[in-house]
Amino acid sequence: MRILAGRGIPTVSADELAHSCIRRGRPAYRTIVRRFGTGILGPDSQINRQRLGAIVFDDRKKRKILEKIVHPCVVKGLRSFIKSHNRGIIALDIPLLFEAKLQQLVDKTVVVYCTPKQQIARLRRRTYLSRSEAFARMRTQMSLAQKRRKADLVLMNTHGRAALLPQIHGMYDDLRDM
């Protein structure tokens, strides 16, 4: 997303919207704390996402409850972003695009693909999860192989950033020419 933003493309992250939705004072905050208890709060009274994640990623029912609380707020944010950027190319980073059935929000779907082993390693670097925790989180989502089959465009990210950059620039040029 940083690469696209660097080319002047308006971008938004569903994960960042979700993080915003659960901040203290936001609509989902009170509902989440009421549902999952004050044990999920950090010393600053903000929701500790690691504590909440430990609860919901081990229990499908609780994860679905959390999604029902957070997803409407995220979708509202995505729709607002789309409406305010209604000309030209925009990029929406939605990791659960297919799982949440949000394809109708976009004209083209792009999946950045890597191997499952790379996916686990990258998730662990980003979140400091153990290998088993990272694997458990991956199992809660559609596999990248399945997403790859559903996507309009697939970018291969198996050989690092240097190999990915030309693909991103080529994709941008193709989309701009449409």
N, C-alpha and C. Protein backbone atom coordinates (compact mmCIF):
# COMPACT_ATOMS: atom_id res chain seq x y z
N MET A 1 0.83 -1.19 0.00
CA MET A 1 0.00 0.00 0.00
C MET A 1 0.87 1.25 0.00
N ARG A 2 2.00 1.19 0.70
CA ARG A 2 2.88 2.37 0.72
C ARG A 2 3.39 2.69 -0.68
N ILE A 3 3.61 1.66 -1.46
CA ILE A 3 4.09 1.88 -2.84
C ILE A 3 3.02 2.60 -3.65
N LEU A 4 1.77 2.16 -3.52
CA LEU A 4 0.68 2.81 -4.25
C LEU A 4 0.46 4.23 -3.75
N ALA A 5 0.50 4.41 -2.45
CA ALA A 5 0.35 5.76 -1.89
C ALA A 5 1.46 6.66 -2.39
N GLY A 6 2.67 6.10 -2.54
CA GLY A 6 3.79 6.87 -3.06
C GLY A 6 3.59 7.32 -4.50
N ARG A 7 2.73 6.62 -5.21
CA ARG A 7 2.41 7.02 -6.59
C ARG A 7 1.21 7.96 -6.63
N GLY A 8 0.76 8.39 -5.44
CA GLY A 8 -0.34 9.34 -5.39
C GLY A 8 -1.72 8.72 -5.39
N ILE A 9 -1.79 7.41 -5.22
CA ILE A 9 -3.07 6.72 -5.20
C ILE A 9 -3.65 6.79 -3.79
N PRO A 10 -4.88 7.29 -3.64
CA PRO A 10 -5.51 7.28 -2.31
C PRO A 10 -5.68 5.83 -1.83
N THR A 11 -5.25 5.57 -0.60
CA THR A 11 -5.33 4.21 -0.05
C THR A 11 -5.99 4.23 1.31
N VAL A 12 -6.60 3.10 1.64
CA VAL A 12 -7.18 2.93 2.97
C VAL A 12 -7.02 1.47 3.36
N SER A 13 -6.80 1.25 4.65
CA SER A 13 -6.62 -0.09 5.19
C SER A 13 -7.80 -0.47 6.06
N ALA A 14 -8.43 -1.59 5.76
CA ALA A 14 -9.54 -2.08 6.58
C ALA A 14 -9.06 -2.38 8.00
N ASP A 15 -7.83 -2.88 8.14
CA ASP A 15 -7.30 -3.15 9.48
C ASP A 15 -7.16 -1.87 10.28
N GLU A 16 -6.67 -0.80 9.64
CA GLU A 16 -6.55 0.48 10.36
C GLU A 16 -7.92 1.02 10.72
N LEU A 17 -8.89 0.85 9.83
CA LEU A 17 -10.26 1.27 10.16
C LEU A 17 -10.78 0.47 11.36
N ALA A 18 -10.50 -0.83 11.37
CA ALA A 18 -10.95 -1.68 12.48
C ALA A 18 -10.30 -1.22 13.79
N HIS A 19 -9.01 -0.90 13.74
CA HIS A 19 -8.32 -0.42 14.94
C HIS A 19 -8.95 0.88 15.43
N SER A 20 -9.29 1.75 14.49
CA SER A 20 -9.94 3.01 14.85
C SER A 20 -11.31 2.78 15.46
N CYS A 21 -12.04 1.81 14.92
CA CYS A 21 -13.40 1.52 15.39
C CYS A 21 -13.44 1.04 16.83
N ILE A 22 -12.36 0.44 17.30
CA ILE A 22 -12.38 -0.13 18.65
C ILE A 22 -11.69 0.75 19.68
N ARG A 23 -11.26 1.93 19.28
CA ARG A 23 -10.64 2.86 20.24
C ARG A 23 -11.67 3.37 21.24
N ARG A 24 -11.19 3.67 22.41
CA ARG A 24 -12.04 4.23 23.47
C ARG A 24 -12.79 5.44 22.93
N GLY A 25 -14.08 5.48 23.21
CA GLY A 25 -14.92 6.58 22.75
C GLY A 25 -15.57 6.32 21.39
N ARG A 26 -15.15 5.27 20.72
CA ARG A 26 -15.73 4.94 19.43
C ARG A 26 -16.91 3.98 19.62
N PRO A 27 -17.80 3.88 18.64
CA PRO A 27 -19.03 3.10 18.82
C PRO A 27 -18.83 1.64 19.24
N ALA A 28 -17.86 0.96 18.66
CA ALA A 28 -17.71 -0.47 18.96
C ALA A 28 -17.04 -0.73 20.31
N TYR A 29 -16.32 0.23 20.82
CA TYR A 29 -15.54 0.05 22.04
C TYR A 29 -16.39 -0.47 23.20
N ARG A 30 -17.44 0.26 23.51
CA ARG A 30 -18.27 -0.09 24.66
C ARG A 30 -18.90 -1.48 24.49
N THR A 31 -19.36 -1.77 23.29
CA THR A 31 -19.99 -3.07 23.02
C THR A 31 -18.97 -4.20 23.20
N ILE A 32 -17.76 -4.01 22.71
CA ILE A 32 -16.72 -5.04 22.83
C ILE A 32 -16.35 -5.27 24.29
N VAL A 33 -16.15 -4.18 25.04
CA VAL A 33 -15.79 -4.32 26.45
C VAL A 33 -16.91 -5.00 27.23
N ARG A 34 -18.15 -4.62 26.92
CA ARG A 34 -19.30 -5.25 27.59
C ARG A 34 -19.35 -6.74 27.27
N ARG A 35 -19.07 -7.11 26.03
CA ARG A 35 -19.17 -8.50 25.60
C ARG A 35 -18.00 -9.36 26.06
N PHE A 36 -16.77 -8.79 26.04
CA PHE A 36 -15.58 -9.60 26.31
C PHE A 36 -14.93 -9.30 27.66
N GLY A 37 -15.42 -8.29 28.37
CA GLY A 37 -14.94 -8.02 29.72
C GLY A 37 -13.79 -7.03 29.77
N THR A 38 -13.58 -6.48 30.95
CA THR A 38 -12.54 -5.47 31.15
C THR A 38 -11.14 -6.07 31.14
N GLY A 39 -11.03 -7.38 31.17
CA GLY A 39 -9.72 -8.04 31.09
C GLY A 39 -9.02 -7.81 29.77
N ILE A 40 -9.74 -7.32 28.77
CA ILE A 40 -9.12 -7.04 27.47
C ILE A 40 -8.53 -5.64 27.41
N LEU A 41 -8.71 -4.87 28.47
CA LEU A 41 -8.22 -3.49 28.47
C LEU A 41 -6.78 -3.40 28.98
N GLY A 42 -6.04 -2.49 28.38
CA GLY A 42 -4.69 -2.20 28.84
C GLY A 42 -4.73 -1.16 29.93
N PRO A 43 -3.56 -0.75 30.44
CA PRO A 43 -3.50 0.24 31.51
C PRO A 43 -4.08 1.59 31.11
N ASP A 44 -4.12 1.87 29.82
CA ASP A 44 -4.65 3.15 29.32
C ASP A 44 -6.15 3.07 29.03
N SER A 45 -6.79 1.97 29.40
CA SER A 45 -8.21 1.70 29.17
C SER A 45 -8.56 1.50 27.70
N GLN A 46 -7.55 1.39 26.85
CA GLN A 46 -7.79 1.04 25.45
C GLN A 46 -7.86 -0.48 25.36
N ILE A 47 -8.53 -0.96 24.32
CA ILE A 47 -8.60 -2.40 24.11
C ILE A 47 -7.22 -2.90 23.71
N ASN A 48 -6.73 -3.89 24.41
CA ASN A 48 -5.47 -4.53 24.08
C ASN A 48 -5.78 -5.59 23.02
N ARG A 49 -5.38 -5.31 21.79
CA ARG A 49 -5.75 -6.18 20.66
C ARG A 49 -5.15 -7.57 20.80
N GLN A 50 -3.98 -7.68 21.43
CA GLN A 50 -3.38 -9.00 21.62
C GLN A 50 -4.23 -9.84 22.57
N ARG A 51 -4.70 -9.22 23.65
CA ARG A 51 -5.56 -9.96 24.60
C ARG A 51 -6.87 -10.35 23.94
N LEU A 52 -7.46 -9.42 23.23
CA LEU A 52 -8.72 -9.72 22.54
C LEU A 52 -8.50 -10.79 21.49
N GLY A 53 -7.40 -10.69 20.75
CA GLY A 53 -7.08 -11.69 19.73
C GLY A 53 -6.92 -13.08 20.32
N ALA A 54 -6.29 -13.16 21.48
CA ALA A 54 -6.11 -14.46 22.13
C ALA A 54 -7.45 -15.11 22.45
N ILE A 55 -8.45 -14.28 22.75
CA ILE A 55 -9.79 -14.80 23.05
C ILE A 55 -10.51 -15.24 21.78
N VAL A 56 -10.52 -14.39 20.78
CA VAL A 56 -11.37 -14.65 19.62
C VAL A 56 -10.76 -15.60 18.61
N PHE A 57 -9.43 -15.68 18.52
CA PHE A 57 -8.85 -16.58 17.53
C PHE A 57 -8.86 -18.03 17.99
N ASP A 58 -9.16 -18.26 19.25
CA ASP A 58 -9.29 -19.63 19.75
C ASP A 58 -10.74 -20.10 19.77
N ASP A 59 -11.67 -19.21 19.42
CA ASP A 59 -13.09 -19.54 19.54
C ASP A 59 -13.85 -18.92 18.37
N ARG A 60 -14.26 -19.75 17.44
CA ARG A 60 -14.94 -19.28 16.22
C ARG A 60 -16.19 -18.46 16.54
N LYS A 61 -16.97 -18.91 17.54
CA LYS A 61 -18.19 -18.21 17.90
C LYS A 61 -17.88 -16.79 18.40
N LYS A 62 -16.87 -16.66 19.25
CA LYS A 62 -16.50 -15.35 19.77
C LYS A 62 -15.93 -14.46 18.65
N ARG A 63 -15.18 -15.07 17.73
CA ARG A 63 -14.64 -14.31 16.61
C ARG A 63 -15.77 -13.75 15.75
N LYS A 64 -16.79 -14.55 15.53
CA LYS A 64 -17.94 -14.09 14.74
C LYS A 64 -18.69 -12.97 15.46
N ILE A 65 -18.78 -13.05 16.77
CA ILE A 65 -19.42 -11.98 17.56
C ILE A 65 -18.63 -10.69 17.37
N LEU A 66 -17.31 -10.77 17.50
CA LEU A 66 -16.48 -9.58 17.32
C LEU A 66 -16.63 -9.01 15.91
N GLU A 67 -16.64 -9.88 14.91
CA GLU A 67 -16.79 -9.42 13.53
C GLU A 67 -18.12 -8.70 13.32
N LYS A 68 -19.18 -9.20 13.95
CA LYS A 68 -20.49 -8.54 13.82
C LYS A 68 -20.50 -7.15 14.46
N ILE A 69 -19.63 -6.96 15.44
CA ILE A 69 -19.54 -5.65 16.09
C ILE A 69 -18.69 -4.70 15.25
N VAL A 70 -17.55 -5.18 14.76
CA VAL A 70 -16.56 -4.32 14.12
C VAL A 70 -16.82 -4.13 12.62
N HIS A 71 -17.24 -5.17 11.92
CA HIS A 71 -17.36 -5.07 10.46
C HIS A 71 -18.28 -3.95 9.97
N PRO A 72 -19.44 -3.71 10.59
CA PRO A 72 -20.26 -2.60 10.10
C PRO A 72 -19.55 -1.24 10.16
N CYS A 73 -18.78 -1.03 11.20
CA CYS A 73 -18.01 0.21 11.32
C CYS A 73 -16.95 0.29 10.22
N VAL A 74 -16.28 -0.82 9.95
CA VAL A 74 -15.25 -0.85 8.91
C VAL A 74 -15.87 -0.61 7.54
N VAL A 75 -16.97 -1.28 7.25
CA VAL A 75 -17.63 -1.12 5.95
C VAL A 75 -18.09 0.33 5.77
N LYS A 76 -18.60 0.92 6.83
CA LYS A 76 -19.01 2.33 6.76
C LYS A 76 -17.80 3.21 6.41
N GLY A 77 -16.66 2.94 7.03
CA GLY A 77 -15.44 3.69 6.73
C GLY A 77 -14.98 3.49 5.30
N LEU A 78 -15.06 2.26 4.81
CA LEU A 78 -14.67 1.97 3.43
C LEU A 78 -15.59 2.70 2.45
N ARG A 79 -16.89 2.64 2.71
CA ARG A 79 -17.84 3.32 1.82
C ARG A 79 -17.62 4.84 1.82
N SER A 80 -17.34 5.39 2.97
CA SER A 80 -17.07 6.81 3.07
C SER A 80 -15.81 7.18 2.28
N PHE A 81 -14.78 6.36 2.40
CA PHE A 81 -13.54 6.60 1.66
C PHE A 81 -13.81 6.55 0.15
N ILE A 82 -14.53 5.55 -0.28
CA ILE A 82 -14.84 5.40 -1.71
C ILE A 82 -15.62 6.61 -2.20
N LYS A 83 -16.61 7.02 -1.43
CA LYS A 83 -17.44 8.16 -1.83
C LYS A 83 -16.62 9.44 -1.93
N SER A 84 -15.68 9.62 -1.03
CA SER A 84 -14.89 10.85 -1.03
C SER A 84 -13.75 10.83 -2.07
N HIS A 85 -13.50 9.68 -2.66
CA HIS A 85 -12.46 9.55 -3.69
C HIS A 85 -13.08 8.89 -4.92
N ASN A 86 -14.10 9.52 -5.48
CA ASN A 86 -14.88 8.87 -6.54
C ASN A 86 -14.32 9.06 -7.95
N ARG A 87 -13.10 9.53 -8.06
CA ARG A 87 -12.48 9.69 -9.38
C ARG A 87 -11.11 9.02 -9.38
N GLY A 88 -10.83 8.31 -10.43
CA GLY A 88 -9.51 7.70 -10.58
C GLY A 88 -9.35 6.42 -9.80
N ILE A 89 -8.13 5.98 -9.72
CA ILE A 89 -7.79 4.73 -9.05
C ILE A 89 -7.65 4.98 -7.55
N ILE A 90 -8.23 4.09 -6.77
CA ILE A 90 -8.02 4.07 -5.32
C ILE A 90 -7.67 2.64 -4.93
N ALA A 91 -7.07 2.47 -3.78
CA ALA A 91 -6.70 1.13 -3.32
C ALA A 91 -7.27 0.89 -1.93
N LEU A 92 -7.98 -0.21 -1.80
CA LEU A 92 -8.54 -0.63 -0.52
C LEU A 92 -7.80 -1.89 -0.09
N ASP A 93 -7.17 -1.86 1.05
CA ASP A 93 -6.48 -3.02 1.59
C ASP A 93 -7.45 -3.73 2.53
N ILE A 94 -8.05 -4.81 2.04
CA ILE A 94 -9.07 -5.53 2.80
C ILE A 94 -8.67 -7.00 2.89
N PRO A 95 -7.94 -7.39 3.93
CA PRO A 95 -7.50 -8.78 4.04
C PRO A 95 -8.65 -9.80 4.00
N LEU A 96 -9.81 -9.44 4.53
CA LEU A 96 -10.95 -10.36 4.56
C LEU A 96 -11.98 -10.03 3.48
N LEU A 97 -11.53 -9.49 2.36
CA LEU A 97 -12.44 -9.08 1.29
C LEU A 97 -13.39 -10.21 0.89
N PHE A 98 -12.84 -11.37 0.59
CA PHE A 98 -13.68 -12.49 0.14
C PHE A 98 -14.48 -13.09 1.28
N GLU A 99 -13.85 -13.22 2.45
CA GLU A 99 -14.55 -13.81 3.59
C GLU A 99 -15.75 -12.95 4.00
N ALA A 100 -15.59 -11.63 3.94
CA ALA A 100 -16.67 -10.71 4.33
C ALA A 100 -17.60 -10.39 3.16
N LYS A 101 -17.31 -11.00 2.00
CA LYS A 101 -18.14 -10.80 0.80
C LYS A 101 -18.28 -9.32 0.45
N LEU A 102 -17.14 -8.65 0.36
CA LEU A 102 -17.13 -7.21 0.08
C LEU A 102 -16.67 -6.90 -1.35
N GLN A 103 -16.63 -7.90 -2.21
CA GLN A 103 -16.17 -7.69 -3.58
C GLN A 103 -16.99 -6.63 -4.31
N GLN A 104 -18.24 -6.45 -3.93
CA GLN A 104 -19.09 -5.47 -4.62
C GLN A 104 -18.60 -4.04 -4.41
N LEU A 105 -17.70 -3.83 -3.45
CA LEU A 105 -17.16 -2.49 -3.21
C LEU A 105 -16.11 -2.10 -4.24
N VAL A 106 -15.56 -3.06 -4.95
CA VAL A 106 -14.42 -2.81 -5.83
C VAL A 106 -14.69 -3.22 -7.26
N ASP A 107 -13.94 -2.62 -8.18
CA ASP A 107 -14.02 -3.00 -9.58
C ASP A 107 -13.09 -4.15 -9.92
N LYS A 108 -11.95 -4.20 -9.27
CA LYS A 108 -10.95 -5.26 -9.49
C LYS A 108 -10.41 -5.72 -8.15
N THR A 109 -10.17 -7.02 -8.07
CA THR A 109 -9.55 -7.57 -6.86
C THR A 109 -8.12 -7.99 -7.18
N VAL A 110 -7.23 -7.67 -6.27
CA VAL A 110 -5.81 -8.00 -6.43
C VAL A 110 -5.39 -8.77 -5.19
N VAL A 111 -4.74 -9.90 -5.40
CA VAL A 111 -4.18 -10.66 -4.29
C VAL A 111 -2.67 -10.66 -4.45
N VAL A 112 -1.99 -10.31 -3.36
CA VAL A 112 -0.54 -10.40 -3.33
C VAL A 112 -0.23 -11.75 -2.71
N TYR A 113 0.38 -12.63 -3.50
CA TYR A 113 0.56 -14.02 -3.12
C TYR A 113 1.99 -14.30 -2.67
N CYS A 114 2.09 -15.13 -1.64
CA CYS A 114 3.37 -15.71 -1.24
C CYS A 114 3.07 -17.13 -0.77
N THR A 115 4.09 -17.88 -0.48
CA THR A 115 3.88 -19.25 -0.02
C THR A 115 3.34 -19.23 1.41
N PRO A 116 2.66 -20.30 1.83
CA PRO A 116 2.20 -20.36 3.23
C PRO A 116 3.34 -20.19 4.23
N LYS A 117 4.50 -20.76 3.94
CA LYS A 117 5.65 -20.63 4.84
C LYS A 117 6.07 -19.16 4.95
N GLN A 118 6.10 -18.45 3.83
CA GLN A 118 6.43 -17.02 3.85
C GLN A 118 5.35 -16.24 4.58
N GLN A 119 4.10 -16.61 4.38
CA GLN A 119 3.00 -15.92 5.03
C GLN A 119 3.12 -16.02 6.55
N ILE A 120 3.42 -17.20 7.05
CA ILE A 120 3.59 -17.39 8.49
C ILE A 120 4.76 -16.57 9.00
N ALA A 121 5.88 -16.62 8.30
CA ALA A 121 7.07 -15.86 8.73
C ALA A 121 6.78 -14.36 8.75
N ARG A 122 6.10 -13.86 7.74
CA ARG A 122 5.80 -12.42 7.68
C ARG A 122 4.80 -12.03 8.75
N LEU A 123 3.80 -12.86 9.00
CA LEU A 123 2.83 -12.59 10.06
C LEU A 123 3.53 -12.56 11.42
N ARG A 124 4.43 -13.49 11.63
CA ARG A 124 5.15 -13.54 12.91
C ARG A 124 6.03 -12.31 13.10
N ARG A 125 6.68 -11.86 12.05
CA ARG A 125 7.52 -10.65 12.14
C ARG A 125 6.69 -9.42 12.47
N ARG A 126 5.50 -9.35 11.89
CA ARG A 126 4.63 -8.19 12.05
C ARG A 126 3.93 -8.18 13.41
N THR A 127 3.60 -9.35 13.95
CA THR A 127 2.76 -9.43 15.14
C THR A 127 3.44 -10.05 16.36
N TYR A 128 4.61 -10.62 16.18
CA TYR A 128 5.35 -11.28 17.26
C TYR A 128 4.59 -12.47 17.83
N LEU A 129 3.81 -13.13 17.00
CA LEU A 129 3.11 -14.33 17.42
C LEU A 129 4.04 -15.53 17.34
N SER A 130 3.73 -16.56 18.12
CA SER A 130 4.47 -17.81 17.98
C SER A 130 4.05 -18.46 16.66
N ARG A 131 4.81 -19.46 16.24
CA ARG A 131 4.48 -20.15 14.98
C ARG A 131 3.09 -20.76 15.05
N SER A 132 2.75 -21.39 16.18
CA SER A 132 1.44 -22.03 16.30
C SER A 132 0.32 -20.99 16.33
N GLU A 133 0.56 -19.84 16.98
CA GLU A 133 -0.45 -18.77 17.00
C GLU A 133 -0.66 -18.20 15.59
N ALA A 134 0.43 -18.00 14.87
CA ALA A 134 0.34 -17.47 13.50
C ALA A 134 -0.42 -18.46 12.61
N PHE A 135 -0.10 -19.72 12.75
CA PHE A 135 -0.78 -20.75 11.96
C PHE A 135 -2.27 -20.79 12.30
N ALA A 136 -2.61 -20.68 13.57
CA ALA A 136 -4.02 -20.70 13.99
C ALA A 136 -4.77 -19.52 13.39
N ARG A 137 -4.14 -18.35 13.35
CA ARG A 137 -4.80 -17.18 12.75
C ARG A 137 -4.99 -17.36 11.26
N MET A 138 -3.99 -17.92 10.61
CA MET A 138 -4.11 -18.16 9.16
C MET A 138 -5.27 -19.12 8.87
N ARG A 139 -5.46 -20.10 9.73
CA ARG A 139 -6.54 -21.08 9.51
C ARG A 139 -7.92 -20.46 9.61
N THR A 140 -8.04 -19.29 10.25
CA THR A 140 -9.34 -18.65 10.38
C THR A 140 -9.73 -17.91 9.10
N GLN A 141 -8.79 -17.78 8.18
CA GLN A 141 -9.04 -17.06 6.93
C GLN A 141 -9.01 -18.02 5.75
N MET A 142 -9.58 -17.56 4.65
CA MET A 142 -9.48 -18.28 3.39
C MET A 142 -7.99 -18.34 3.02
N SER A 143 -7.55 -19.44 2.47
CA SER A 143 -6.14 -19.56 2.11
C SER A 143 -5.80 -18.62 0.96
N LEU A 144 -4.52 -18.24 0.88
CA LEU A 144 -4.09 -17.39 -0.23
C LEU A 144 -4.29 -18.10 -1.56
N ALA A 145 -4.17 -19.42 -1.58
CA ALA A 145 -4.40 -20.17 -2.82
C ALA A 145 -5.85 -20.00 -3.28
N GLN A 146 -6.80 -20.06 -2.35
CA GLN A 146 -8.21 -19.84 -2.70
C GLN A 146 -8.44 -18.40 -3.16
N LYS A 147 -7.85 -17.45 -2.44
CA LYS A 147 -8.00 -16.05 -2.82
C LYS A 147 -7.39 -15.79 -4.19
N ARG A 148 -6.28 -16.44 -4.45
CA ARG A 148 -5.60 -16.30 -5.74
C ARG A 148 -6.54 -16.72 -6.88
N ARG A 149 -7.29 -17.79 -6.68
CA ARG A 149 -8.23 -18.27 -7.71
C ARG A 149 -9.39 -17.30 -7.90
N LYS A 150 -9.78 -16.58 -6.86
CA LYS A 150 -10.91 -15.66 -6.94
C LYS A 150 -10.53 -14.27 -7.48
N ALA A 151 -9.26 -13.93 -7.39
CA ALA A 151 -8.80 -12.58 -7.70
C ALA A 151 -8.80 -12.31 -9.21
N ASP A 152 -8.98 -11.02 -9.54
CA ASP A 152 -8.84 -10.59 -10.93
C ASP A 152 -7.37 -10.52 -11.32
N LEU A 153 -6.54 -10.09 -10.39
CA LEU A 153 -5.10 -9.95 -10.63
C LEU A 153 -4.35 -10.57 -9.46
N VAL A 154 -3.22 -11.21 -9.77
CA VAL A 154 -2.38 -11.80 -8.72
C VAL A 154 -0.96 -11.26 -8.89
N LEU A 155 -0.43 -10.73 -7.82
CA LEU A 155 0.96 -10.28 -7.80
C LEU A 155 1.75 -11.28 -6.96
N MET A 156 2.86 -11.74 -7.50
CA MET A 156 3.68 -12.73 -6.79
C MET A 156 4.68 -12.02 -5.89
N ASN A 157 4.62 -12.33 -4.61
CA ASN A 157 5.54 -11.74 -3.64
C ASN A 157 6.35 -12.84 -2.96
N THR A 158 6.89 -13.73 -3.78
CA THR A 158 7.69 -14.83 -3.25
C THR A 158 9.18 -14.54 -3.28
N HIS A 159 9.57 -13.48 -3.98
CA HIS A 159 11.00 -13.17 -4.12
C HIS A 159 11.34 -11.77 -3.62
N GLY A 160 10.52 -11.22 -2.74
CA GLY A 160 10.85 -9.96 -2.10
C GLY A 160 10.37 -8.73 -2.85
N ARG A 161 10.59 -7.62 -2.19
CA ARG A 161 10.11 -6.31 -2.66
C ARG A 161 10.64 -5.94 -4.04
N ALA A 162 11.92 -6.22 -4.28
CA ALA A 162 12.52 -5.85 -5.57
C ALA A 162 11.79 -6.51 -6.73
N ALA A 163 11.35 -7.74 -6.55
CA ALA A 163 10.62 -8.45 -7.61
C ALA A 163 9.16 -8.03 -7.66
N LEU A 164 8.63 -7.55 -6.56
CA LEU A 164 7.23 -7.14 -6.50
C LEU A 164 7.01 -5.77 -7.14
N LEU A 165 7.97 -4.86 -6.98
CA LEU A 165 7.81 -3.49 -7.48
C LEU A 165 7.42 -3.40 -8.96
N PRO A 166 8.12 -4.08 -9.87
CA PRO A 166 7.72 -3.98 -11.28
C PRO A 166 6.29 -4.48 -11.53
N GLN A 167 5.87 -5.48 -10.77
CA GLN A 167 4.51 -5.99 -10.92
C GLN A 167 3.49 -4.93 -10.50
N ILE A 168 3.77 -4.25 -9.40
CA ILE A 168 2.87 -3.20 -8.91
C ILE A 168 2.80 -2.06 -9.92
N HIS A 169 3.95 -1.64 -10.42
CA HIS A 169 3.96 -0.54 -11.38
C HIS A 169 3.24 -0.94 -12.67
N GLY A 170 3.44 -2.18 -13.12
CA GLY A 170 2.74 -2.66 -14.31
C GLY A 170 1.24 -2.72 -14.10
N MET A 171 0.82 -3.19 -12.93
CA MET A 171 -0.60 -3.25 -12.60
C MET A 171 -1.20 -1.85 -12.60
N TYR A 172 -0.49 -0.92 -11.98
CA TYR A 172 -0.97 0.46 -11.94
C TYR A 172 -1.12 1.02 -13.36
N ASP A 173 -0.12 0.80 -14.20
CA ASP A 173 -0.19 1.30 -15.58
C ASP A 173 -1.38 0.69 -16.32
N ASP A 174 -1.59 -0.63 -16.14
CA ASP A 174 -2.72 -1.30 -16.80
C ASP A 174 -4.06 -0.73 -16.32
N LEU A 175 -4.19 -0.55 -15.00
CA LEU A 175 -5.45 -0.02 -14.45
C LEU A 175 -5.67 1.43 -14.89
N ARG A 176 -4.63 2.19 -14.92
CA ARG A 176 -4.75 3.60 -15.33
C ARG A 176 -5.20 3.69 -16.80
N ASP A 177 -4.74 2.75 -17.62
CA ASP A 177 -5.09 2.77 -19.05
C ASP A 177 -6.51 2.28 -19.32
N MET A 178 -7.16 1.69 -18.33
CA MET A 178 -8.53 1.14 -18.55
C MET A 178 -9.54 2.26 -18.68
